[in-house]
């Protein structure tokens, strides 16, 4: 699936975003699993960068999900118990 996101740093410190290996998909039937791919979509800027406070960008990711629906989350750290930084509910 192609997911278009607008990311904005609303904090007071730089925020680094690296999506590869940090995007998880799950639904009521399937436990959270890595949805990252190395596929680019060719439109918009790369989302993986360091954002200074107030900076924003809109770009797209290609993700590997098992079926329609569910949710995609960005954990941002390699800790399976960490809370997601953001979650996107997908249409069915």
PDB file of N, CA and C in Angstrom:
ATOM      1  N   UNK A   1       0.819  -1.165   0.000  1.00  0.00           N
ATOM      2  CA  UNK A   1       0.000   0.000   0.000  1.00  0.00           C
ATOM      3  C   UNK A   1       0.867   1.234   0.000  1.00  0.00           C
ATOM      4  N   UNK A   2       0.333   2.303  -0.527  1.00  0.00           N
ATOM      5  CA  UNK A   2       1.022   3.590  -0.507  1.00  0.00           C
ATOM      6  C   UNK A   2       0.373   4.445   0.574  1.00  0.00           C
ATOM      7  N   UNK A   3       1.173   4.917   1.511  1.00  0.00           N
ATOM      8  CA  UNK A   3       0.696   5.739   2.612  1.00  0.00           C
ATOM      9  C   UNK A   3       1.342   7.111   2.502  1.00  0.00           C
ATOM     10  N   UNK A   4       0.524   8.147   2.336  1.00  0.00           N
ATOM     11  CA  UNK A   4       1.027   9.515   2.273  1.00  0.00           C
ATOM     12  C   UNK A   4       0.847  10.162   3.630  1.00  0.00           C
ATOM     13  N   UNK A   5       1.927  10.717   4.151  1.00  0.00           N
ATOM     14  CA  UNK A   5       1.937  11.306   5.489  1.00  0.00           C
ATOM     15  C   UNK A   5       2.466  12.731   5.448  1.00  0.00           C
ATOM     16  N   UNK A   6       1.976  13.567   6.326  1.00  0.00           N
ATOM     17  CA  UNK A   6       2.575  14.857   6.610  1.00  0.00           C
ATOM     18  C   UNK A   6       3.126  14.775   8.019  1.00  0.00           C
ATOM     19  N   UNK A   7       4.429  14.965   8.147  1.00  0.00           N
ATOM     20  CA  UNK A   7       5.098  14.917   9.448  1.00  0.00           C
ATOM     21  C   UNK A   7       5.549  16.321   9.813  1.00  0.00           C
ATOM     22  N   UNK A   8       5.327  16.722  11.071  1.00  0.00           N
ATOM     23  CA  UNK A   8       5.757  18.036  11.548  1.00  0.00           C
ATOM     24  C   UNK A   8       6.339  17.894  12.941  1.00  0.00           C
ATOM     25  N   UNK A   9       7.466  18.529  13.164  1.00  0.00           N
ATOM     26  CA  UNK A   9       8.082  18.541  14.483  1.00  0.00           C
ATOM     27  C   UNK A   9       7.437  19.672  15.293  1.00  0.00           C
ATOM     28  N   UNK A  10       6.606  19.305  16.261  1.00  0.00           N
ATOM     29  CA  UNK A  10       5.945  20.284  17.111  1.00  0.00           C
ATOM     30  C   UNK A  10       6.670  20.439  18.455  1.00  0.00           C
ATOM     31  N   UNK A  11       7.806  19.773  18.578  1.00  0.00           N
ATOM     32  CA  UNK A  11       8.590  19.860  19.806  1.00  0.00           C
ATOM     33  C   UNK A  11       9.571  21.019  19.775  1.00  0.00           C
ATOM     34  N   UNK A  12      10.461  21.042  20.778  1.00  0.00           N
ATOM     35  CA  UNK A  12      11.442  22.119  20.903  1.00  0.00           C
ATOM     36  C   UNK A  12      12.860  21.655  20.575  1.00  0.00           C
ATOM     37  N   UNK A  13      13.003  20.375  20.191  1.00  0.00           N
ATOM     38  CA  UNK A  13      14.318  19.812  19.866  1.00  0.00           C
ATOM     39  C   UNK A  13      14.227  19.115  18.513  1.00  0.00           C
ATOM     40  N   UNK A  14      15.359  18.919  17.836  1.00  0.00           N
ATOM     41  CA  UNK A  14      15.331  18.167  16.572  1.00  0.00           C
ATOM     42  C   UNK A  14      14.767  16.767  16.785  1.00  0.00           C
ATOM     43  N   UNK A  15      14.059  16.266  15.777  1.00  0.00           N
ATOM     44  CA  UNK A  15      13.464  14.926  15.843  1.00  0.00           C
ATOM     45  C   UNK A  15      13.890  14.144  14.608  1.00  0.00           C
ATOM     46  N   UNK A  16      14.513  12.990  14.823  1.00  0.00           N
ATOM     47  CA  UNK A  16      14.960  12.142  13.717  1.00  0.00           C
ATOM     48  C   UNK A  16      13.896  11.099  13.415  1.00  0.00           C
ATOM     49  N   UNK A  17      13.537  10.964  12.137  1.00  0.00           N
ATOM     50  CA  UNK A  17      12.576   9.960  11.690  1.00  0.00           C
ATOM     51  C   UNK A  17      13.301   9.017  10.737  1.00  0.00           C
ATOM     52  N   UNK A  18      13.280   7.740  11.039  1.00  0.00           N
ATOM     53  CA  UNK A  18      13.803   6.689  10.179  1.00  0.00           C
ATOM     54  C   UNK A  18      12.747   5.596  10.143  1.00  0.00           C
ATOM     55  N   UNK A  19      12.053   5.441   9.024  1.00  0.00           N
ATOM     56  CA  UNK A  19      10.895   4.557   8.962  1.00  0.00           C
ATOM     57  C   UNK A  19      11.229   3.093   8.713  1.00  0.00           C
ATOM     58  N   UNK A  20      12.349   2.804   8.039  1.00  0.00           N
ATOM     59  CA  UNK A  20      12.637   1.414   7.685  1.00  0.00           C
ATOM     60  C   UNK A  20      12.800   0.563   8.942  1.00  0.00           C
ATOM     61  N   UNK A  21      12.007  -0.497   9.033  1.00  0.00           N
ATOM     62  CA  UNK A  21      12.045  -1.397  10.177  1.00  0.00           C
ATOM     63  C   UNK A  21      11.255  -0.903  11.368  1.00  0.00           C
ATOM     64  N   UNK A  22      10.684   0.290  11.262  1.00  0.00           N
ATOM     65  CA  UNK A  22       9.948   0.884  12.378  1.00  0.00           C
ATOM     66  C   UNK A  22       8.451   1.006  12.109  1.00  0.00           C
ATOM     67  N   UNK A  23       7.988   0.599  10.922  1.00  0.00           N
ATOM     68  CA  UNK A  23       6.566   0.663  10.578  1.00  0.00           C
ATOM     69  C   UNK A  23       5.953  -0.713  10.811  1.00  0.00           C
ATOM     70  N   UNK A  24       4.947  -0.776  11.658  1.00  0.00           N
ATOM     71  CA  UNK A  24       4.293  -2.047  12.009  1.00  0.00           C
ATOM     72  C   UNK A  24       2.838  -2.017  11.547  1.00  0.00           C
ATOM     73  N   UNK A  25       2.357  -3.153  11.038  1.00  0.00           N
ATOM     74  CA  UNK A  25       0.955  -3.305  10.654  1.00  0.00           C
ATOM     75  C   UNK A  25       0.335  -4.401  11.504  1.00  0.00           C
ATOM     76  N   UNK A  26      -0.936  -4.213  11.885  1.00  0.00           N
ATOM     77  CA  UNK A  26      -1.672  -5.245  12.615  1.00  0.00           C
ATOM     78  C   UNK A  26      -3.160  -5.031  12.402  1.00  0.00           C
ATOM     79  N   UNK A  27      -3.926  -6.085  12.660  1.00  0.00           N
ATOM     80  CA  UNK A  27      -5.382  -5.987  12.679  1.00  0.00           C
ATOM     81  C   UNK A  27      -5.897  -6.945  13.737  1.00  0.00           C
ATOM     82  N   UNK A  28      -7.211  -7.140  13.793  1.00  0.00           N
ATOM     83  CA  UNK A  28      -7.807  -8.002  14.808  1.00  0.00           C
ATOM     84  C   UNK A  28      -7.408  -9.461  14.703  1.00  0.00           C
ATOM     85  N   UNK A  29      -6.942  -9.894  13.520  1.00  0.00           N
ATOM     86  CA  UNK A  29      -6.562 -11.285  13.294  1.00  0.00           C
ATOM     87  C   UNK A  29      -5.059 -11.527  13.350  1.00  0.00           C
ATOM     88  N   UNK A  30      -4.278 -10.476  13.113  1.00  0.00           N
ATOM     89  CA  UNK A  30      -2.837 -10.628  12.942  1.00  0.00           C
ATOM     90  C   UNK A  30      -2.074  -9.747  13.922  1.00  0.00           C
ATOM     91  N   UNK A  31      -1.104 -10.322  14.621  1.00  0.00           N
ATOM     92  CA  UNK A  31      -0.261  -9.561  15.540  1.00  0.00           C
ATOM     93  C   UNK A  31       0.612  -8.585  14.762  1.00  0.00           C
ATOM     94  N   UNK A  32       1.089  -7.564  15.434  1.00  0.00           N
ATOM     95  CA  UNK A  32       1.926  -6.547  14.798  1.00  0.00           C
ATOM     96  C   UNK A  32       3.120  -7.190  14.102  1.00  0.00           C
ATOM     97  N   UNK A  33       3.371  -6.743  12.871  1.00  0.00           N
ATOM     98  CA  UNK A  33       4.500  -7.241  12.090  1.00  0.00           C
ATOM     99  C   UNK A  33       5.095  -6.103  11.283  1.00  0.00           C
ATOM    100  N   UNK A  34       6.366  -6.244  10.930  1.00  0.00           N
ATOM    101  CA  UNK A  34       7.061  -5.222  10.152  1.00  0.00           C
ATOM    102  C   UNK A  34       6.374  -5.039   8.802  1.00  0.00           C
ATOM    103  N   UNK A  35       6.074  -3.801   8.450  1.00  0.00           N
ATOM    104  CA  UNK A  35       5.450  -3.483   7.167  1.00  0.00           C
ATOM    105  C   UNK A  35       6.408  -2.734   6.253  1.00  0.00           C
ATOM    106  N   UNK A  36       7.642  -2.512   6.701  1.00  0.00           N
ATOM    107  CA  UNK A  36       8.611  -1.722   5.931  1.00  0.00           C
ATOM    108  C   UNK A  36       8.984  -2.390   4.623  1.00  0.00           C
ATOM    109  N   UNK A  37       9.229  -1.573   3.614  1.00  0.00           N
ATOM    110  CA  UNK A  37       9.780  -2.043   2.348  1.00  0.00           C
ATOM    111  C   UNK A  37      10.878  -1.068   1.931  1.00  0.00           C
ATOM    112  N   UNK A  38      11.665  -1.466   0.959  1.00  0.00           N
ATOM    113  CA  UNK A  38      12.675  -0.572   0.400  1.00  0.00           C
ATOM    114  C   UNK A  38      12.163   0.111  -0.865  1.00  0.00           C
ATOM    115  N   UNK A  39      10.888  -0.115  -1.187  1.00  0.00           N
ATOM    116  CA  UNK A  39      10.307   0.477  -2.395  1.00  0.00           C
ATOM    117  C   UNK A  39      10.086   1.965  -2.197  1.00  0.00           C
ATOM    118  N   UNK A  40      10.468   2.738  -3.209  1.00  0.00           N
ATOM    119  CA  UNK A  40      10.168   4.162  -3.216  1.00  0.00           C
ATOM    120  C   UNK A  40       8.952   4.409  -4.076  1.00  0.00           C
ATOM    121  N   UNK A  41       8.312   5.538  -3.888  1.00  0.00           N
ATOM    122  CA  UNK A  41       7.130   5.847  -4.675  1.00  0.00           C
ATOM    123  C   UNK A  41       7.396   6.932  -5.703  1.00  0.00           C
ATOM    124  N   UNK A  42       8.547   7.578  -5.618  1.00  0.00           N
ATOM    125  CA  UNK A  42       8.944   8.519  -6.653  1.00  0.00           C
ATOM    126  C   UNK A  42       8.276   9.877  -6.610  1.00  0.00           C
ATOM    127  N   UNK A  43       7.370  10.109  -5.665  1.00  0.00           N
ATOM    128  CA  UNK A  43       6.761  11.432  -5.596  1.00  0.00           C
ATOM    129  C   UNK A  43       6.874  11.978  -4.182  1.00  0.00           C
ATOM    130  N   UNK A  44       7.266  13.213  -4.075  1.00  0.00           N
ATOM    131  CA  UNK A  44       7.424  13.858  -2.779  1.00  0.00           C
ATOM    132  C   UNK A  44       8.783  13.603  -2.177  1.00  0.00           C
ATOM    133  N   UNK A  45       9.118  14.378  -1.165  1.00  0.00           N
ATOM    134  CA  UNK A  45      10.416  14.228  -0.506  1.00  0.00           C
ATOM    135  C   UNK A  45      10.482  12.978   0.366  1.00  0.00           C
ATOM    136  N   UNK A  46      11.685  12.579   0.689  1.00  0.00           N
ATOM    137  CA  UNK A  46      11.936  11.454   1.584  1.00  0.00           C
ATOM    138  C   UNK A  46      11.502  11.860   2.995  1.00  0.00           C
ATOM    139  N   UNK A  47      10.788  10.995   3.677  1.00  0.00           N
ATOM    140  CA  UNK A  47      10.349  11.287   5.042  1.00  0.00           C
ATOM    141  C   UNK A  47      11.452  11.061   6.068  1.00  0.00           C
ATOM    142  N   UNK A  48      12.444  10.228   5.734  1.00  0.00           N
ATOM    143  CA  UNK A  48      13.504   9.871   6.668  1.00  0.00           C
ATOM    144  C   UNK A  48      14.559  10.967   6.715  1.00  0.00           C
ATOM    145  N   UNK A  49      14.511  11.769   7.758  1.00  0.00           N
ATOM    146  CA  UNK A  49      15.470  12.849   7.945  1.00  0.00           C
ATOM    147  C   UNK A  49      15.354  13.365   9.373  1.00  0.00           C
ATOM    148  N   UNK A  50      16.119  14.388   9.701  1.00  0.00           N
ATOM    149  CA  UNK A  50      16.008  15.053  10.996  1.00  0.00           C
ATOM    150  C   UNK A  50      15.253  16.358  10.795  1.00  0.00           C
ATOM    151  N   UNK A  51      14.184  16.539  11.564  1.00  0.00           N
ATOM    152  CA  UNK A  51      13.342  17.720  11.475  1.00  0.00           C
ATOM    153  C   UNK A  51      13.680  18.682  12.603  1.00  0.00           C
ATOM    154  N   UNK A  52      13.969  19.931  12.257  1.00  0.00           N
ATOM    155  CA  UNK A  52      14.153  20.961  13.272  1.00  0.00           C
ATOM    156  C   UNK A  52      12.768  21.373  13.782  1.00  0.00           C
ATOM    157  N   UNK A  53      12.684  21.963  14.969  1.00  0.00           N
ATOM    158  CA  UNK A  53      11.382  22.400  15.468  1.00  0.00           C
ATOM    159  C   UNK A  53      10.656  23.273  14.437  1.00  0.00           C
ATOM    160  N   UNK A  54       9.380  22.951  14.212  1.00  0.00           N
ATOM    161  CA  UNK A  54       8.566  23.701  13.262  1.00  0.00           C
ATOM    162  C   UNK A  54       8.617  23.204  11.833  1.00  0.00           C
ATOM    163  N   UNK A  55       9.623  22.401  11.487  1.00  0.00           N
ATOM    164  CA  UNK A  55       9.727  21.895  10.116  1.00  0.00           C
ATOM    165  C   UNK A  55       8.706  20.793   9.871  1.00  0.00           C
ATOM    166  N   UNK A  56       8.222  20.728   8.605  1.00  0.00           N
ATOM    167  CA  UNK A  56       7.250  19.707   8.218  1.00  0.00           C
ATOM    168  C   UNK A  56       7.534  19.275   6.790  1.00  0.00           C
ATOM    169  N   UNK A  57       7.044  18.076   6.434  1.00  0.00           N
ATOM    170  CA  UNK A  57       7.178  17.575   5.070  1.00  0.00           C
ATOM    171  C   UNK A  57       6.029  16.598   4.809  1.00  0.00           C
ATOM    172  N   UNK A  58       5.612  16.536   3.555  1.00  0.00           N
ATOM    173  CA  UNK A  58       4.621  15.546   3.127  1.00  0.00           C
ATOM    174  C   UNK A  58       5.294  14.624   2.131  1.00  0.00           C
ATOM    175  N   UNK A  59       5.208  13.342   2.359  1.00  0.00           N
ATOM    176  CA  UNK A  59       5.813  12.344   1.484  1.00  0.00           C
ATOM    177  C   UNK A  59       5.074  11.022   1.627  1.00  0.00           C
ATOM    178  N   UNK A  60       5.515  10.033   0.868  1.00  0.00           N
ATOM    179  CA  UNK A  60       4.820   8.741   0.847  1.00  0.00           C
ATOM    180  C   UNK A  60       5.758   7.592   1.146  1.00  0.00           C
ATOM    181  N   UNK A  61       5.184   6.524   1.700  1.00  0.00           N
ATOM    182  CA  UNK A  61       5.872   5.264   1.959  1.00  0.00           C
ATOM    183  C   UNK A  61       5.114   4.151   1.257  1.00  0.00           C
ATOM    184  N   UNK A  62       5.823   3.141   0.807  1.00  0.00           N
ATOM    185  CA  UNK A  62       5.190   1.917   0.322  1.00  0.00           C
ATOM    186  C   UNK A  62       5.361   0.886   1.424  1.00  0.00           C
ATOM    187  N   UNK A  63       4.241   0.325   1.884  1.00  0.00           N
ATOM    188  CA  UNK A  63       4.257  -0.629   2.988  1.00  0.00           C
ATOM    189  C   UNK A  63       3.671  -1.960   2.547  1.00  0.00           C
ATOM    190  N   UNK A  64       4.128  -3.019   3.173  1.00  0.00           N
ATOM    191  CA  UNK A  64       3.667  -4.374   2.885  1.00  0.00           C
ATOM    192  C   UNK A  64       2.701  -4.789   3.993  1.00  0.00           C
ATOM    193  N   UNK A  65       1.402  -4.831   3.670  1.00  0.00           N
ATOM    194  CA  UNK A  65       0.387  -5.234   4.642  1.00  0.00           C
ATOM    195  C   UNK A  65      -0.323  -6.479   4.128  1.00  0.00           C
ATOM    196  N   UNK A  66      -0.857  -7.272   5.050  1.00  0.00           N
ATOM    197  CA  UNK A  66      -1.448  -8.562   4.683  1.00  0.00           C
ATOM    198  C   UNK A  66      -2.807  -8.427   3.997  1.00  0.00           C
ATOM    199  N   UNK A  67      -3.566  -7.409   4.364  1.00  0.00           N
ATOM    200  CA  UNK A  67      -4.913  -7.225   3.794  1.00  0.00           C
ATOM    201  C   UNK A  67      -5.380  -5.806   4.107  1.00  0.00           C
ATOM    202  N   UNK A  68      -6.556  -5.476   3.561  1.00  0.00           N
ATOM    203  CA  UNK A  68      -7.144  -4.156   3.803  1.00  0.00           C
ATOM    204  C   UNK A  68      -7.494  -3.996   5.287  1.00  0.00           C
ATOM    205  N   UNK A  69      -7.512  -2.749   5.729  1.00  0.00           N
ATOM    206  CA  UNK A  69      -7.880  -2.456   7.106  1.00  0.00           C
ATOM    207  C   UNK A  69      -6.714  -2.595   8.057  1.00  0.00           C
ATOM    208  N   UNK A  70      -7.040  -2.610   9.323  1.00  0.00           N
ATOM    209  CA  UNK A  70      -6.011  -2.678  10.352  1.00  0.00           C
ATOM    210  C   UNK A  70      -5.437  -1.309  10.633  1.00  0.00           C
ATOM    211  N   UNK A  71      -4.233  -1.315  11.162  1.00  0.00           N
ATOM    212  CA  UNK A  71      -3.581  -0.050  11.475  1.00  0.00           C
ATOM    213  C   UNK A  71      -2.082  -0.165  11.266  1.00  0.00           C
ATOM    214  N   UNK A  72      -1.482   0.938  10.921  1.00  0.00           N
ATOM    215  CA  UNK A  72      -0.043   1.033  10.751  1.00  0.00           C
ATOM    216  C   UNK A  72       0.467   1.967  11.839  1.00  0.00           C
ATOM    217  N   UNK A  73       1.543   1.576  12.514  1.00  0.00           N
ATOM    218  CA  UNK A  73       2.106   2.416  13.560  1.00  0.00           C
ATOM    219  C   UNK A  73       3.604   2.603  13.341  1.00  0.00           C
ATOM    220  N   UNK A  74       4.086   3.747  13.799  1.00  0.00           N
ATOM    221  CA  UNK A  74       5.521   4.061  13.757  1.00  0.00           C
ATOM    222  C   UNK A  74       6.020   4.021  15.186  1.00  0.00           C
ATOM    223  N   UNK A  75       6.905   3.072  15.473  1.00  0.00           N
ATOM    224  CA  UNK A  75       7.431   2.930  16.816  1.00  0.00           C
ATOM    225  C   UNK A  75       8.623   3.862  17.023  1.00  0.00           C
ATOM    226  N   UNK A  76       9.525   3.943  16.052  1.00  0.00           N
ATOM    227  CA  UNK A  76      10.652   4.866  16.136  1.00  0.00           C
ATOM    228  C   UNK A  76      11.846   4.361  16.909  1.00  0.00           C
ATOM    229  N   UNK A  77      11.682   3.267  17.640  1.00  0.00           N
ATOM    230  CA  UNK A  77      12.791   2.659  18.374  1.00  0.00           C
ATOM    231  C   UNK A  77      12.684   1.151  18.222  1.00  0.00           C
ATOM    232  N   UNK A  78      13.782   0.474  18.423  1.00  0.00           N
ATOM    233  CA  UNK A  78      13.807  -0.983  18.262  1.00  0.00           C
ATOM    234  C   UNK A  78      13.425  -1.683  19.569  1.00  0.00           C
ATOM    235  N   UNK A  79      12.304  -1.260  20.147  1.00  0.00           N
ATOM    236  CA  UNK A  79      11.818  -1.833  21.401  1.00  0.00           C
ATOM    237  C   UNK A  79      10.363  -2.249  21.198  1.00  0.00           C
ATOM    238  N   UNK A  80      10.069  -3.546  21.198  1.00  0.00           N
ATOM    239  CA  UNK A  80       8.703  -4.002  20.925  1.00  0.00           C
ATOM    240  C   UNK A  80       7.678  -3.534  21.960  1.00  0.00           C
ATOM    241  N   UNK A  81       8.127  -3.103  23.139  1.00  0.00           N
ATOM    242  CA  UNK A  81       7.212  -2.643  24.178  1.00  0.00           C
ATOM    243  C   UNK A  81       7.014  -1.123  24.167  1.00  0.00           C
ATOM    244  N   UNK A  82       7.707  -0.419  23.280  1.00  0.00           N
ATOM    245  CA  UNK A  82       7.585   1.038  23.232  1.00  0.00           C
ATOM    246  C   UNK A  82       6.248   1.455  22.633  1.00  0.00           C
ATOM    247  N   UNK A  83       5.730   2.579  23.096  1.00  0.00           N
ATOM    248  CA  UNK A  83       4.507   3.141  22.533  1.00  0.00           C
ATOM    249  C   UNK A  83       4.783   3.702  21.157  1.00  0.00           C
ATOM    250  N   UNK A  84       3.790   3.629  20.284  1.00  0.00           N
ATOM    251  CA  UNK A  84       3.917   4.182  18.938  1.00  0.00           C
ATOM    252  C   UNK A  84       3.934   5.698  18.990  1.00  0.00           C
ATOM    253  N   UNK A  85       4.779   6.296  18.143  1.00  0.00           N
ATOM    254  CA  UNK A  85       4.815   7.753  18.035  1.00  0.00           C
ATOM    255  C   UNK A  85       3.568   8.257  17.306  1.00  0.00           C
ATOM    256  N   UNK A  86       3.098   7.469  16.319  1.00  0.00           N
ATOM    257  CA  UNK A  86       1.819   7.774  15.671  1.00  0.00           C
ATOM    258  C   UNK A  86       1.224   6.499  15.097  1.00  0.00           C
ATOM    259  N   UNK A  87      -0.101   6.505  14.932  1.00  0.00           N
ATOM    260  CA  UNK A  87      -0.849   5.361  14.417  1.00  0.00           C
ATOM    261  C   UNK A  87      -1.812   5.875  13.348  1.00  0.00           C
ATOM    262  N   UNK A  88      -1.902   5.119  12.227  1.00  0.00           N
ATOM    263  CA  UNK A  88      -2.835   5.451  11.149  1.00  0.00           C
ATOM    264  C   UNK A  88      -3.797   4.271  10.980  1.00  0.00           C
ATOM    265  N   UNK A  89      -5.087   4.538  11.161  1.00  0.00           N
ATOM    266  CA  UNK A  89      -6.105   3.518  10.927  1.00  0.00           C
ATOM    267  C   UNK A  89      -6.363   3.444   9.431  1.00  0.00           C
ATOM    268  N   UNK A  90      -6.283   2.245   8.871  1.00  0.00           N
ATOM    269  CA  UNK A  90      -6.424   2.059   7.419  1.00  0.00           C
ATOM    270  C   UNK A  90      -7.864   1.745   7.035  1.00  0.00           C
ATOM    271  N   UNK A  91      -8.281   2.184   5.845  1.00  0.00           N
ATOM    272  CA  UNK A  91      -9.654   1.868   5.396  1.00  0.00           C
ATOM    273  C   UNK A  91      -9.782   0.388   5.061  1.00  0.00           C
ATOM    274  N   UNK A  92     -11.016  -0.120   5.192  1.00  0.00           N
ATOM    275  CA  UNK A  92     -11.268  -1.528   4.875  1.00  0.00           C
ATOM    276  C   UNK A  92     -11.492  -1.722   3.401  1.00  0.00           C
TER     277      UNK A  92
END
